[in-house]
Amino acid sequence: MNSTKPVMMKCGHAANGYDAEGNPVCVICYGIVPGATVVDPNPPSLEGRMARCTFYGGGNVPYRRNECNVCKAGQPCQCERPSSPGLPFFMAHPDKPYDEFYCGCRGWD
């Protein structure tokens, strides 16, 4: 059941993994939030919304190259992108001004 188009899960994250049967899951919330294994049949509209990196505006970015090429070493993260389930670790926050994702400013390891 692997899909090439990212789907939103009931926990609010975009699916970021698959279970043993190939069904999409949220590995961040798996085992903690019941919606981590349930595809949201009515995901929130992302039209016109922006997502900010989890570390946006906080702390200084280490000397690392990140995905957005906006962050500069020694300065706070400033990465924003149009909201999309295809962003790394994307989570919709329809009740807040910005959705969330991770740009890689703290590394990937």
C-alpha atoms as a PDB file:
ATOM      1  CA  MET A   1       0.000   0.000   0.000  1.00  0.00           C
ATOM      2  CA  ASN A   2       3.036   2.315  -0.258  1.00  0.00           C
ATOM      3  CA  SER A   3       1.966   5.586  -1.811  1.00  0.00           C
ATOM      4  CA  THR A   4       4.278   8.055  -3.511  1.00  0.00           C
ATOM      5  CA  LYS A   5       2.102  10.995  -2.449  1.00  0.00           C
ATOM      6  CA  PRO A   6       2.506  11.846   1.266  1.00  0.00           C
ATOM      7  CA  VAL A   7      -0.655  11.464   3.328  1.00  0.00           C
ATOM      8  CA  MET A   8      -1.665  13.142   6.556  1.00  0.00           C
ATOM      9  CA  MET A   9      -2.225  11.028   9.638  1.00  0.00           C
ATOM     10  CA  LYS A  10      -4.811  11.621  12.399  1.00  0.00           C
ATOM     11  CA  CYS A  11      -1.982  12.633  14.777  1.00  0.00           C
ATOM     12  CA  GLY A  12      -1.396  15.730  12.589  1.00  0.00           C
ATOM     13  CA  HIS A  13       1.928  14.668  11.052  1.00  0.00           C
ATOM     14  CA  ALA A  14       2.460  13.661   7.467  1.00  0.00           C
ATOM     15  CA  ALA A  15       3.165   9.936   7.234  1.00  0.00           C
ATOM     16  CA  ASN A  16       6.900   9.487   7.646  1.00  0.00           C
ATOM     17  CA  GLY A  17       7.198   5.708   7.617  1.00  0.00           C
ATOM     18  CA  TYR A  18       5.416   2.441   6.878  1.00  0.00           C
ATOM     19  CA  ASP A  19       4.422  -0.526   9.018  1.00  0.00           C
ATOM     20  CA  ALA A  20       5.309  -4.149   8.191  1.00  0.00           C
ATOM     21  CA  GLU A  21       2.266  -4.382   5.891  1.00  0.00           C
ATOM     22  CA  GLY A  22       3.267  -1.250   3.959  1.00  0.00           C
ATOM     23  CA  ASN A  23       0.634   1.036   5.505  1.00  0.00           C
ATOM     24  CA  PRO A  24       1.633   4.645   6.189  1.00  0.00           C
ATOM     25  CA  VAL A  25       2.380   5.565   9.817  1.00  0.00           C
ATOM     26  CA  CYS A  26       3.816   8.423  11.827  1.00  0.00           C
ATOM     27  CA  VAL A  27       6.964   7.072  13.463  1.00  0.00           C
ATOM     28  CA  ILE A  28       7.160  10.154  15.703  1.00  0.00           C
ATOM     29  CA  CYS A  29       3.824   9.406  17.400  1.00  0.00           C
ATOM     30  CA  TYR A  30       3.708   5.600  16.925  1.00  0.00           C
ATOM     31  CA  GLY A  31       2.882   3.883  20.212  1.00  0.00           C
ATOM     32  CA  ILE A  32       2.082   7.218  21.885  1.00  0.00           C
ATOM     33  CA  VAL A  33      -0.764   8.788  19.900  1.00  0.00           C
ATOM     34  CA  PRO A  34      -3.541   6.509  18.595  1.00  0.00           C
ATOM     35  CA  GLY A  35      -3.883   8.537  15.375  1.00  0.00           C
ATOM     36  CA  ALA A  36      -0.313   7.675  14.361  1.00  0.00           C
ATOM     37  CA  THR A  37      -1.555   4.674  12.394  1.00  0.00           C
ATOM     38  CA  VAL A  38      -4.755   6.198  10.973  1.00  0.00           C
ATOM     39  CA  VAL A  39      -4.776   8.113   7.677  1.00  0.00           C
ATOM     40  CA  ASP A  40      -6.820  11.303   8.100  1.00  0.00           C
ATOM     41  CA  PRO A  41      -9.713  11.061   5.613  1.00  0.00           C
ATOM     42  CA  ASN A  42     -10.280  14.832   5.945  1.00  0.00           C
ATOM     43  CA  PRO A  43      -6.845  16.431   6.282  1.00  0.00           C
ATOM     44  CA  PRO A  44      -6.702  20.176   6.952  1.00  0.00           C
ATOM     45  CA  SER A  45      -6.395  22.498   3.977  1.00  0.00           C
ATOM     46  CA  LEU A  46      -2.831  23.723   3.563  1.00  0.00           C
ATOM     47  CA  GLU A  47      -3.675  26.214   0.837  1.00  0.00           C
ATOM     48  CA  GLY A  48      -1.958  29.537   1.485  1.00  0.00           C
ATOM     49  CA  ARG A  49      -0.322  28.293   4.696  1.00  0.00           C
ATOM     50  CA  MET A  50       3.342  28.465   5.614  1.00  0.00           C
ATOM     51  CA  ALA A  51       5.407  26.112   7.742  1.00  0.00           C
ATOM     52  CA  ARG A  52       8.339  27.099   9.908  1.00  0.00           C
ATOM     53  CA  CYS A  53      11.199  24.924  11.031  1.00  0.00           C
ATOM     54  CA  THR A  54      10.791  23.564  14.551  1.00  0.00           C
ATOM     55  CA  PHE A  55      13.869  25.608  15.547  1.00  0.00           C
ATOM     56  CA  TYR A  56      12.739  28.839  13.829  1.00  0.00           C
ATOM     57  CA  GLY A  57      14.061  31.892  15.673  1.00  0.00           C
ATOM     58  CA  GLY A  58      15.599  29.914  18.511  1.00  0.00           C
ATOM     59  CA  GLY A  59      19.254  29.373  19.299  1.00  0.00           C
ATOM     60  CA  ASN A  60      22.082  29.630  16.839  1.00  0.00           C
ATOM     61  CA  VAL A  61      22.423  27.259  13.924  1.00  0.00           C
ATOM     62  CA  PRO A  62      25.539  25.093  14.140  1.00  0.00           C
ATOM     63  CA  TYR A  63      27.915  25.149  11.200  1.00  0.00           C
ATOM     64  CA  ARG A  64      25.951  22.768   8.979  1.00  0.00           C
ATOM     65  CA  ARG A  65      24.471  22.967   5.526  1.00  0.00           C
ATOM     66  CA  ASN A  66      20.702  22.581   5.735  1.00  0.00           C
ATOM     67  CA  GLU A  67      17.908  21.998   3.278  1.00  0.00           C
ATOM     68  CA  CYS A  68      16.618  25.543   2.993  1.00  0.00           C
ATOM     69  CA  ASN A  69      19.941  27.375   2.467  1.00  0.00           C
ATOM     70  CA  VAL A  70      18.480  30.288   4.446  1.00  0.00           C
ATOM     71  CA  CYS A  71      19.972  29.472   7.834  1.00  0.00           C
ATOM     72  CA  LYS A  72      23.466  30.752   8.484  1.00  0.00           C
ATOM     73  CA  ALA A  73      25.902  29.350  11.025  1.00  0.00           C
ATOM     74  CA  GLY A  74      25.853  31.318  14.272  1.00  0.00           C
ATOM     75  CA  GLN A  75      22.416  32.856  13.608  1.00  0.00           C
ATOM     76  CA  PRO A  76      18.885  31.708  14.523  1.00  0.00           C
ATOM     77  CA  CYS A  77      17.030  29.517  12.025  1.00  0.00           C
ATOM     78  CA  GLN A  78      14.842  31.538   9.635  1.00  0.00           C
ATOM     79  CA  CYS A  79      13.548  28.735   7.423  1.00  0.00           C
ATOM     80  CA  GLU A  80       9.945  28.965   6.163  1.00  0.00           C
ATOM     81  CA  ARG A  81       8.361  26.975   3.350  1.00  0.00           C
ATOM     82  CA  PRO A  82       4.863  26.661   1.885  1.00  0.00           C
ATOM     83  CA  SER A  83       3.062  24.009   3.940  1.00  0.00           C
ATOM     84  CA  SER A  84       3.229  20.561   2.370  1.00  0.00           C
ATOM     85  CA  PRO A  85       3.091  16.958   3.616  1.00  0.00           C
ATOM     86  CA  GLY A  86       6.275  16.450   1.577  1.00  0.00           C
ATOM     87  CA  LEU A  87       8.353  18.574   3.976  1.00  0.00           C
ATOM     88  CA  PRO A  88      10.532  16.585   6.409  1.00  0.00           C
ATOM     89  CA  PHE A  89       8.668  15.770   9.651  1.00  0.00           C
ATOM     90  CA  PHE A  90       5.753  17.997   8.597  1.00  0.00           C
ATOM     91  CA  MET A  91       2.968  18.633  11.100  1.00  0.00           C
ATOM     92  CA  ALA A  92      -0.158  20.662  10.406  1.00  0.00           C
ATOM     93  CA  HIS A  93      -1.241  23.140  13.067  1.00  0.00           C
ATOM     94  CA  PRO A  94      -4.532  24.528  11.676  1.00  0.00           C
ATOM     95  CA  ASP A  95      -5.194  26.295  14.997  1.00  0.00           C
ATOM     96  CA  LYS A  96      -1.884  28.222  14.856  1.00  0.00           C
ATOM     97  CA  PRO A  97      -0.454  30.790  12.431  1.00  0.00           C
ATOM     98  CA  TYR A  98       2.237  28.383  11.126  1.00  0.00           C
ATOM     99  CA  ASP A  99       2.590  24.677  10.478  1.00  0.00           C
ATOM    100  CA  GLU A 100       5.834  22.919  11.406  1.00  0.00           C
ATOM    101  CA  PHE A 101       8.633  20.906   9.776  1.00  0.00           C
ATOM    102  CA  TYR A 102      12.359  20.344  10.195  1.00  0.00           C
ATOM    103  CA  CYS A 103      14.819  22.004   7.788  1.00  0.00           C
ATOM    104  CA  GLY A 104      17.915  20.139   8.935  1.00  0.00           C
ATOM    105  CA  CYS A 105      19.519  23.131  10.628  1.00  0.00           C
ATOM    106  CA  ARG A 106      20.634  20.956  13.553  1.00  0.00           C
ATOM    107  CA  GLY A 107      21.814  18.102  11.353  1.00  0.00           C
ATOM    108  CA  TRP A 108      20.291  14.809  10.293  1.00  0.00           C
ATOM    109  CA  ASP A 109      22.188  12.362  12.503  1.00  0.00           C
END
